[in-house]
Amino acid sequence: MTSAYILIQMNAPDPRKVMATIRAVAGVKQAHLLVGPTDCIAYVETDNLESLGDTVVALRSVNGVVSTD
């Protein structure tokens, strides 16, 4: 099992809609809005590093996500 915390920056008029999409991405176990330079933190669990990479790519493709760290 591989796990990671992913910091997410968003640019969306309604971040709640983006959060709903983020939470639906395979591997995302939790996602929370934050206050400050980072808009969201997501906790991800996957089977291996390759699938973790797939999850990060899926998060980056969510409409409203600007970047991940």
Protein backbone atom coordinates (compact mmCIF):
# COMPACT_ATOMS: atom_id res chain seq x y z
CA MET A 1 0.00 0.00 0.00
CA THR A 2 1.22 3.48 -0.89
CA SER A 3 -0.20 6.62 0.68
CA ALA A 4 0.37 10.34 0.32
CA TYR A 5 -0.96 13.73 1.31
CA ILE A 6 -1.45 15.92 -1.75
CA LEU A 7 -1.71 19.70 -1.50
CA ILE A 8 -4.04 21.18 -4.11
CA GLN A 9 -4.43 24.75 -5.37
CA MET A 10 -7.78 25.61 -6.94
CA ASN A 11 -9.27 28.41 -9.01
CA ALA A 12 -13.02 27.97 -8.88
CA PRO A 13 -15.99 30.18 -8.05
CA ASP A 14 -17.49 27.36 -5.94
CA PRO A 15 -14.78 25.18 -4.37
CA ARG A 16 -17.44 22.81 -2.97
CA LYS A 17 -18.12 21.50 -6.48
CA VAL A 18 -14.40 20.93 -7.05
CA MET A 19 -14.17 19.16 -3.68
CA ALA A 20 -16.99 16.79 -4.63
CA THR A 21 -15.10 15.82 -7.79
CA ILE A 22 -11.80 15.45 -5.92
CA ARG A 23 -13.43 13.16 -3.35
CA ALA A 24 -14.77 10.96 -6.17
CA VAL A 25 -11.29 10.32 -7.67
CA ALA A 26 -10.16 6.72 -7.19
CA GLY A 27 -7.74 6.43 -4.28
CA VAL A 28 -8.81 9.62 -2.50
CA LYS A 29 -9.78 8.64 1.04
CA GLN A 30 -10.23 12.16 2.45
CA ALA A 31 -10.14 15.71 1.12
CA HIS A 32 -10.49 18.90 3.15
CA LEU A 33 -10.67 22.60 2.32
CA LEU A 34 -7.94 24.75 3.89
CA VAL A 35 -7.44 28.45 4.50
CA GLY A 36 -4.20 29.95 3.17
CA PRO A 37 -2.01 29.47 0.11
CA THR A 38 -3.12 25.84 -0.23
CA ASP A 39 -6.84 25.36 -0.93
CA CYS A 40 -7.21 21.64 -0.24
CA ILE A 41 -5.38 18.66 1.19
CA ALA A 42 -6.22 15.17 0.00
CA TYR A 43 -5.17 11.90 1.62
CA VAL A 44 -4.67 9.18 -0.99
CA GLU A 45 -4.11 5.43 -0.66
CA THR A 46 -3.22 3.26 -3.65
CA ASP A 47 -1.77 -0.20 -4.30
CA ASN A 48 1.58 1.05 -5.63
CA LEU A 49 3.52 4.08 -6.88
CA GLU A 50 2.23 3.68 -10.43
CA SER A 51 -1.40 3.91 -9.34
CA LEU A 52 -0.49 6.83 -7.07
CA GLY A 53 0.80 8.61 -10.16
CA ASP A 54 -2.47 7.83 -11.94
CA THR A 55 -4.40 9.36 -9.06
CA VAL A 56 -2.28 12.52 -9.15
CA VAL A 57 -2.89 12.83 -12.91
CA ALA A 58 -6.63 12.39 -12.29
CA LEU A 59 -6.57 15.10 -9.62
CA ARG A 60 -4.72 17.49 -11.93
CA SER A 61 -7.38 16.95 -14.60
CA VAL A 62 -10.25 18.01 -12.31
CA ASN A 63 -11.82 21.23 -13.60
CA GLY A 64 -10.84 23.97 -11.12
CA VAL A 65 -7.58 22.37 -9.95
CA VAL A 66 -4.64 24.63 -10.81
CA SER A 67 -1.77 22.59 -9.37
CA THR A 68 -0.79 19.85 -6.94
CA ASP A 69 2.18 19.46 -4.64
